[in-house]
Protein backbone atom coordinates (compact mmCIF):
# COMPACT_ATOMS: atom_id res chain seq x y z
CA MET A 1 150.00 108.87 267.03
CA ALA A 2 146.87 109.81 268.84
CA GLY A 3 147.65 107.20 271.47
CA ILE A 4 151.01 108.77 272.17
CA LEU A 5 149.44 112.20 272.53
CA VAL A 6 146.90 110.89 275.00
CA ALA A 7 149.67 109.12 276.95
CA VAL A 8 151.75 112.33 277.07
CA PHE A 9 148.68 114.33 278.14
CA TRP A 10 147.97 111.85 280.97
CA ALA A 11 151.62 111.87 282.05
CA ILE A 12 151.63 115.70 282.24
CA LEU A 13 148.31 115.69 284.11
CA VAL A 14 149.50 113.08 286.64
CA SER A 15 152.77 114.99 287.13
CA PHE A 16 150.87 118.23 287.72
CA LEU A 17 148.52 116.53 290.20
CA ALA A 18 151.48 114.91 291.98
CA LEU A 19 153.16 118.32 292.29
CA VAL A 20 149.94 119.84 293.67
CA LEU A 21 149.59 117.01 296.19
CA VAL A 22 153.22 117.41 297.35
CA ARG A 23 152.71 121.17 297.81
CA LEU A 24 149.45 120.54 299.65
CA ALA A 25 151.20 118.04 301.97
CA GLN A 26 153.93 120.59 302.71
CA THR A 27 151.32 123.27 303.45
CA LEU A 28 149.46 120.91 305.79
CA LYS A 29 152.70 120.04 307.63
CA ALA A 30 153.55 123.75 308.04
CA THR A 31 150.01 124.50 309.23
CA THR A 32 150.13 121.64 311.73
CA LYS A 33 153.49 122.87 313.05
CA MET A 34 152.21 126.46 313.35
CA VAL A 35 149.05 125.34 315.20
CA ALA A 36 151.19 123.30 317.61
CA GLU A 37 153.45 126.32 318.30
CA VAL A 38 150.47 128.63 318.82
CA SER A 39 148.93 126.11 321.21
CA GLU A 40 152.18 125.90 323.16
CA GLN A 41 152.25 129.70 323.52
CA ALA A 42 148.51 130.23 324.04
CA VAL A 43 148.09 127.86 326.96
CA PRO A 44 150.53 129.76 329.27
CA LEU A 45 149.03 133.08 328.16
CA LEU A 46 145.55 131.87 329.03
CA ALA A 47 146.78 130.65 332.40
CA ASP A 48 148.35 134.06 333.10
CA ALA A 49 145.16 135.82 332.02
CA SER A 50 143.12 133.58 334.28
CA ALA A 51 145.41 134.34 337.23
CA THR A 52 145.16 138.07 336.50
CA VAL A 53 141.37 137.90 336.42
CA ARG A 54 141.33 136.02 339.75
CA SER A 55 143.63 138.64 341.28
CA ALA A 56 141.46 141.48 339.97
CA HIS A 57 138.38 139.75 341.39
CA SER A 58 139.97 139.48 344.84
CA GLN A 59 141.03 143.15 344.69
CA LEU A 60 137.48 144.17 343.75
CA ALA A 61 136.17 142.16 346.69
CA ARG A 62 138.55 144.07 348.98
CA VAL A 63 137.48 147.41 347.51
CA ASP A 64 133.84 146.43 348.00
CA ALA A 65 134.53 145.61 351.65
CA ILE A 66 136.38 148.91 352.12
CA ALA A 67 133.51 150.83 350.51
CA ALA A 68 131.03 149.12 352.83
CA ASP A 69 133.19 150.03 355.84
CA VAL A 70 133.43 153.65 354.68
CA GLN A 71 129.67 153.79 354.26
CA GLU A 72 129.22 152.44 357.79
CA VAL A 73 131.70 154.96 359.21
CA THR A 74 129.91 157.77 357.37
CA ALA A 75 126.57 156.69 358.81
CA ASN A 76 128.09 156.49 362.30
CA ALA A 77 129.66 159.95 361.92
CA SER A 78 126.33 161.38 360.78
CA ALA A 79 124.54 159.81 363.74
CA LEU A 80 127.22 161.10 366.12
CA SER A 81 126.99 164.58 364.61
CA SER A 82 123.21 164.69 365.04
CA THR A 83 123.54 163.37 368.60
CA VAL A 84 126.14 165.99 369.52
CA SER A 85 124.07 168.68 367.83
CA SER A 86 120.94 167.75 369.75
CA ALA A 87 122.80 167.28 373.04
CA PHE A 88 124.90 170.44 372.99
CA GLY A 89 123.10 172.62 370.45
CA GLY A 90 120.17 173.62 372.62
CA PRO A 91 122.21 174.44 375.72
CA LEU A 92 124.78 176.38 373.68
CA VAL A 93 122.04 178.50 372.13
CA LYS A 94 120.64 179.16 375.59
CA VAL A 95 124.07 180.15 376.92
CA ALA A 96 124.61 182.45 373.94
CA ALA A 97 121.18 184.05 374.43
CA PHE A 98 121.89 184.51 378.14
CA GLY A 99 125.22 186.15 377.34
CA TYR A 100 123.55 188.45 374.83
CA GLY A 101 120.90 189.39 377.40
CA VAL A 102 123.58 190.11 380.01
CA ARG A 103 125.46 192.33 377.57
CA ARG A 104 122.30 194.19 376.64
CA ALA A 105 121.43 194.67 380.31
CA ILE A 106 124.92 195.95 381.09
CA GLY A 107 124.79 198.20 378.02
CA LYS A 108 121.43 199.70 379.06
CA LYS A 109 122.65 200.17 382.56
CA GLY A 110 125.64 202.08 381.20
CA ALA A 111 123.36 204.10 378.90
CA ASP A 112 121.41 205.41 381.91
CA ALA A 113 124.60 207.06 383.15
CA PRO A 114 125.54 210.36 381.42
CA ALA A 115 127.43 209.67 378.22
CA THR A 116 130.67 211.51 377.71
CA GLY A 117 131.42 212.79 374.22
CA ARG A 118 128.19 211.40 372.84
CA ALA A 119 125.51 213.57 371.37
CA GLU A 120 122.02 212.69 372.52
CA ARG A 121 119.45 212.11 369.90
CA THR A 122 116.30 214.14 370.09
CA VAL A 123 113.21 214.33 367.96
CA VAL A 124 112.30 217.70 366.49
CA VAL A 125 108.74 217.98 365.26
CA GLY A 126 108.46 219.08 361.62
CA ARG A 127 112.06 218.29 360.72
CA THR A 128 112.97 215.40 358.39
CA LEU A 129 116.01 213.26 358.83
CA PRO A 130 118.53 212.71 356.03
CA GLY A 131 118.35 209.40 354.18
CA ALA A 132 120.30 206.43 355.47
CA ARG A 133 123.83 206.11 354.12
CA ARG A 134 124.76 203.01 352.31
CA GLY A 135 128.23 201.57 352.60
CA GLY A 136 130.56 201.42 349.62
CA ARG A 137 130.68 203.35 346.40
CA ARG A 138 127.80 203.55 344.05
CA ASN A 139 128.32 202.77 340.43
CA ARG A 140 127.24 205.81 338.52
CA ARG A 141 126.89 205.60 334.82
CA SER A 142 127.94 208.62 332.88
CA LYS A 143 125.82 209.71 329.97
CA ASP A 144 128.78 210.48 327.69
């Protein structure tokens, strides 16, 4: 009887191991199929990503070239501005000063003539002048 029990035990054990091996084979087939499908989908995605990276690289190269051109234009504009300032700045200041001098001379010449409706200012010895007026309102704080 012990021999039959051992035979039954081995039969159950072999059946269980066979079932486990069949399930393992099915799992390996499903895994192989899934890896193949992922590979089929991943390869085009990687190609698209690579193309996108190349496009972004070319766009960055263009932006770099544009930035360099803008920097050069800025430097040229600065140089032109300083050149114009040095070339025309001095003479314009001289013309403005000459115009101011002419106006002052004409104004003094007109001041020598009798002024109509203008009170002449005179200095009186021993008399103080009122303080200078300041424009605008003063902020006064009330002590309430």
